[in-house]
């Protein structure tokens, strides 16, 4: 069954529509803010970042160096105790 609107309901609906259109600029800022929040929820900023290359995937940039011992100047005749307690 199709419901028909009474003339009073139509008049109230038209007045509500006129009121919303007249005060649209008042509702424009909250609609804009809610829209931005919704877009940030659906597309978070973490998706905007470029995918980073894992460190293990970079080949050719590392060199295999030979292990070298640097001779120190520590006195070898003293014990390994610290000078001060």
N, C-alpha and C. Protein backbone atom coordinates (compact mmCIF):
# COMPACT_ATOMS: atom_id res chain seq x y z
N UNK A 1 0.82 -1.18 0.00
CA UNK A 1 0.00 0.00 0.00
C UNK A 1 0.87 1.25 0.00
N UNK A 2 0.41 2.21 -0.72
CA UNK A 2 1.13 3.46 -0.79
C UNK A 2 0.47 4.46 0.14
N UNK A 3 1.32 5.07 0.97
CA UNK A 3 0.78 6.02 1.95
C UNK A 3 0.79 7.41 1.33
N UNK A 4 -0.30 8.11 1.41
CA UNK A 4 -0.39 9.48 0.91
C UNK A 4 -0.15 10.44 2.06
N UNK A 5 0.53 11.52 1.76
CA UNK A 5 0.81 12.54 2.77
C UNK A 5 -0.36 13.50 2.85
N UNK A 6 -0.68 13.91 4.06
CA UNK A 6 -1.75 14.90 4.25
C UNK A 6 -1.21 16.29 3.92
N UNK A 7 -2.07 17.23 3.67
CA UNK A 7 -1.61 18.59 3.36
C UNK A 7 -0.80 19.22 4.50
N UNK A 8 -1.11 18.89 5.72
CA UNK A 8 -0.34 19.44 6.85
C UNK A 8 1.09 18.88 6.84
N UNK A 9 1.25 17.60 6.56
CA UNK A 9 2.59 17.00 6.50
C UNK A 9 3.39 17.58 5.36
N UNK A 10 2.75 17.84 4.22
CA UNK A 10 3.45 18.44 3.08
C UNK A 10 3.89 19.86 3.43
N UNK A 11 3.03 20.63 4.08
CA UNK A 11 3.37 22.00 4.45
C UNK A 11 4.53 22.02 5.43
N UNK A 12 4.52 21.12 6.42
CA UNK A 12 5.62 21.05 7.39
C UNK A 12 6.92 20.65 6.69
N UNK A 13 6.85 19.71 5.78
CA UNK A 13 8.04 19.29 5.03
C UNK A 13 8.61 20.41 4.19
N UNK A 14 7.73 21.20 3.54
CA UNK A 14 8.20 22.34 2.73
C UNK A 14 8.83 23.40 3.62
N UNK A 15 8.23 23.68 4.77
CA UNK A 15 8.81 24.67 5.68
C UNK A 15 10.17 24.21 6.23
N UNK A 16 10.30 22.93 6.53
CA UNK A 16 11.59 22.40 6.98
C UNK A 16 12.64 22.54 5.89
N UNK A 17 12.27 22.23 4.66
CA UNK A 17 13.21 22.35 3.53
C UNK A 17 13.63 23.80 3.32
N UNK A 18 12.67 24.73 3.41
CA UNK A 18 13.00 26.16 3.26
C UNK A 18 13.93 26.62 4.39
N UNK A 19 13.64 26.18 5.60
CA UNK A 19 14.49 26.55 6.73
C UNK A 19 15.90 26.02 6.60
N UNK A 20 16.04 24.78 6.14
CA UNK A 20 17.39 24.21 5.95
C UNK A 20 18.14 24.91 4.83
N UNK A 21 17.46 25.24 3.75
CA UNK A 21 18.12 25.94 2.64
C UNK A 21 18.51 27.36 3.03
N UNK A 22 17.68 28.03 3.84
CA UNK A 22 17.99 29.40 4.25
C UNK A 22 19.19 29.43 5.20
N UNK A 23 19.34 28.40 6.04
CA UNK A 23 20.44 28.36 7.02
C UNK A 23 21.51 27.36 6.59
N UNK A 24 21.66 27.17 5.30
CA UNK A 24 22.62 26.18 4.82
C UNK A 24 24.06 26.57 5.17
N UNK A 25 24.37 27.86 5.13
CA UNK A 25 25.75 28.26 5.44
C UNK A 25 26.07 28.01 6.92
N UNK A 26 25.05 27.99 7.76
CA UNK A 26 25.27 27.65 9.17
C UNK A 26 25.65 26.18 9.31
N UNK A 27 25.06 25.33 8.49
CA UNK A 27 25.34 23.89 8.53
C UNK A 27 26.53 23.49 7.67
N UNK A 28 27.05 24.42 6.88
CA UNK A 28 28.12 24.10 5.95
C UNK A 28 29.41 23.71 6.68
N UNK A 29 29.78 24.44 7.72
CA UNK A 29 31.03 24.15 8.46
C UNK A 29 30.96 22.79 9.17
N UNK A 30 29.91 22.48 9.92
CA UNK A 30 29.87 21.14 10.54
C UNK A 30 29.84 20.00 9.53
N UNK A 31 29.14 20.20 8.41
CA UNK A 31 29.12 19.16 7.37
C UNK A 31 30.52 18.97 6.81
N UNK A 32 31.24 20.08 6.58
CA UNK A 32 32.61 20.00 6.06
C UNK A 32 33.53 19.29 7.06
N UNK A 33 33.43 19.63 8.34
CA UNK A 33 34.29 19.02 9.36
C UNK A 33 33.99 17.52 9.48
N UNK A 34 32.72 17.16 9.50
CA UNK A 34 32.36 15.74 9.57
C UNK A 34 32.81 14.99 8.33
N UNK A 35 32.76 15.65 7.18
CA UNK A 35 33.23 15.01 5.94
C UNK A 35 34.73 14.75 5.98
N UNK A 36 35.50 15.71 6.49
CA UNK A 36 36.96 15.54 6.60
C UNK A 36 37.28 14.42 7.58
N UNK A 37 36.57 14.38 8.70
CA UNK A 37 36.80 13.31 9.69
C UNK A 37 36.47 11.96 9.08
N UNK A 38 35.38 11.88 8.32
CA UNK A 38 35.02 10.62 7.68
C UNK A 38 36.07 10.18 6.66
N UNK A 39 36.58 11.14 5.86
CA UNK A 39 37.62 10.79 4.88
C UNK A 39 38.90 10.34 5.57
N UNK A 40 39.28 10.98 6.67
CA UNK A 40 40.47 10.55 7.40
C UNK A 40 40.27 9.18 8.04
N UNK A 41 39.03 8.86 8.41
CA UNK A 41 38.74 7.54 8.96
C UNK A 41 38.85 6.47 7.87
N UNK A 42 38.32 6.77 6.70
CA UNK A 42 38.33 5.78 5.61
C UNK A 42 39.72 5.64 4.99
N UNK A 43 40.45 6.74 4.87
CA UNK A 43 41.77 6.75 4.26
C UNK A 43 42.75 7.39 5.23
N UNK A 44 43.26 6.63 6.21
CA UNK A 44 44.15 7.22 7.23
C UNK A 44 45.47 7.69 6.62
N UNK A 45 46.13 8.66 7.26
CA UNK A 45 47.38 9.20 6.73
C UNK A 45 48.49 8.17 6.59
N UNK A 46 48.44 7.07 7.33
CA UNK A 46 49.48 6.05 7.20
C UNK A 46 49.46 5.42 5.81
N UNK A 47 48.36 5.48 5.10
CA UNK A 47 48.30 4.95 3.74
C UNK A 47 48.95 5.87 2.74
N UNK A 48 49.13 7.16 3.10
CA UNK A 48 49.69 8.11 2.17
C UNK A 48 51.20 7.97 2.02
N UNK A 49 51.84 7.34 3.00
CA UNK A 49 53.29 7.20 2.96
C UNK A 49 53.70 6.26 1.83
N UNK A 50 54.86 6.54 1.28
CA UNK A 50 55.39 5.66 0.25
C UNK A 50 55.90 4.38 0.92
N UNK A 51 55.73 3.25 0.29
CA UNK A 51 56.23 2.01 0.91
C UNK A 51 57.75 2.05 1.03
N UNK A 52 58.23 1.72 2.21
CA UNK A 52 59.67 1.74 2.44
C UNK A 52 60.28 0.41 2.02
N UNK A 53 61.54 0.48 1.61
CA UNK A 53 62.26 -0.72 1.18
C UNK A 53 62.90 -1.34 2.41
N UNK A 54 62.67 -2.63 2.65
CA UNK A 54 63.30 -3.27 3.81
C UNK A 54 64.82 -3.24 3.69
N UNK A 55 65.49 -3.24 4.83
CA UNK A 55 66.96 -3.13 4.82
C UNK A 55 67.62 -4.34 4.17
N UNK A 56 67.03 -5.50 4.30
CA UNK A 56 67.64 -6.70 3.73
C UNK A 56 67.56 -6.74 2.22
N UNK A 57 66.68 -5.93 1.63
CA UNK A 57 66.49 -5.96 0.19
C UNK A 57 67.53 -5.12 -0.55
N UNK A 58 68.23 -4.26 0.15
CA UNK A 58 69.23 -3.42 -0.51
C UNK A 58 70.50 -4.23 -0.71
N UNK A 59 70.73 -4.66 -1.91
CA UNK A 59 71.92 -5.44 -2.20
C UNK A 59 72.91 -4.57 -2.96
N UNK A 60 74.18 -4.84 -2.75
CA UNK A 60 75.21 -4.13 -3.47
C UNK A 60 75.72 -2.89 -2.74
N UNK A 61 75.06 -2.44 -1.70
CA UNK A 61 75.51 -1.25 -1.00
C UNK A 61 76.44 -1.58 0.16
N UNK A 62 76.46 -2.81 0.63
CA UNK A 62 77.33 -3.18 1.74
C UNK A 62 78.59 -3.83 1.20
N UNK A 63 79.68 -3.60 1.91
CA UNK A 63 80.96 -4.19 1.53
C UNK A 63 81.42 -5.11 2.66
N UNK A 64 81.99 -6.22 2.32
CA UNK A 64 82.55 -7.12 3.31
C UNK A 64 83.99 -6.69 3.59
N UNK A 65 84.22 -6.17 4.78
CA UNK A 65 85.56 -5.70 5.16
C UNK A 65 86.25 -6.76 6.00
N UNK A 66 87.56 -6.78 5.90
CA UNK A 66 88.33 -7.71 6.71
C UNK A 66 88.39 -7.20 8.14
N UNK A 67 88.39 -8.13 9.09
CA UNK A 67 88.47 -7.77 10.50
C UNK A 67 89.90 -7.36 10.82
N UNK A 68 90.04 -6.14 11.36
CA UNK A 68 91.37 -5.67 11.71
C UNK A 68 91.42 -5.33 13.19
N UNK A 69 92.54 -5.63 13.84
CA UNK A 69 92.75 -5.31 15.24
C UNK A 69 93.60 -4.06 15.30
N UNK A 70 93.11 -3.06 16.02
CA UNK A 70 93.87 -1.82 16.17
C UNK A 70 94.68 -1.95 17.45
N UNK A 71 95.98 -1.81 17.34
CA UNK A 71 96.86 -1.93 18.51
C UNK A 71 96.65 -0.75 19.43
N UNK A 72 96.39 -1.07 20.70
CA UNK A 72 96.17 -0.03 21.69
C UNK A 72 97.45 0.36 22.39
N UNK A 73 97.35 1.35 23.29
CA UNK A 73 98.53 1.84 24.01
C UNK A 73 98.44 1.54 25.50
N UNK A 74 97.67 0.56 25.90
CA UNK A 74 97.50 0.23 27.30
C UNK A 74 98.77 -0.46 27.81
N UNK A 75 99.15 -0.10 29.04
CA UNK A 75 100.31 -0.76 29.66
C UNK A 75 99.96 -2.21 29.92
N UNK A 76 100.79 -3.12 29.47
CA UNK A 76 100.50 -4.54 29.63
C UNK A 76 101.01 -5.09 30.96
N UNK A 77 101.93 -4.38 31.67
CA UNK A 77 102.47 -4.93 32.92
C UNK A 77 101.54 -4.67 34.12
N UNK A 78 100.61 -3.75 34.06
CA UNK A 78 99.70 -3.50 35.17
C UNK A 78 98.53 -4.46 35.11
N UNK A 79 97.90 -4.65 36.28
CA UNK A 79 96.72 -5.51 36.32
C UNK A 79 95.53 -4.81 35.68
N UNK A 80 94.48 -5.54 35.44
CA UNK A 80 93.29 -4.98 34.81
C UNK A 80 92.35 -4.33 35.82
N UNK A 81 92.85 -3.99 37.02
CA UNK A 81 92.00 -3.34 38.00
C UNK A 81 91.87 -1.87 37.65
N UNK A 82 90.73 -1.28 37.97
CA UNK A 82 90.58 0.16 37.69
C UNK A 82 91.48 0.99 38.59
N UNK A 83 91.86 2.15 38.13
CA UNK A 83 92.76 3.01 38.91
C UNK A 83 92.05 3.56 40.14
N UNK A 84 90.79 3.84 40.05
CA UNK A 84 90.03 4.40 41.17
C UNK A 84 88.86 3.50 41.50
N UNK A 85 88.50 3.45 42.79
CA UNK A 85 87.36 2.64 43.23
C UNK A 85 86.18 3.50 43.44
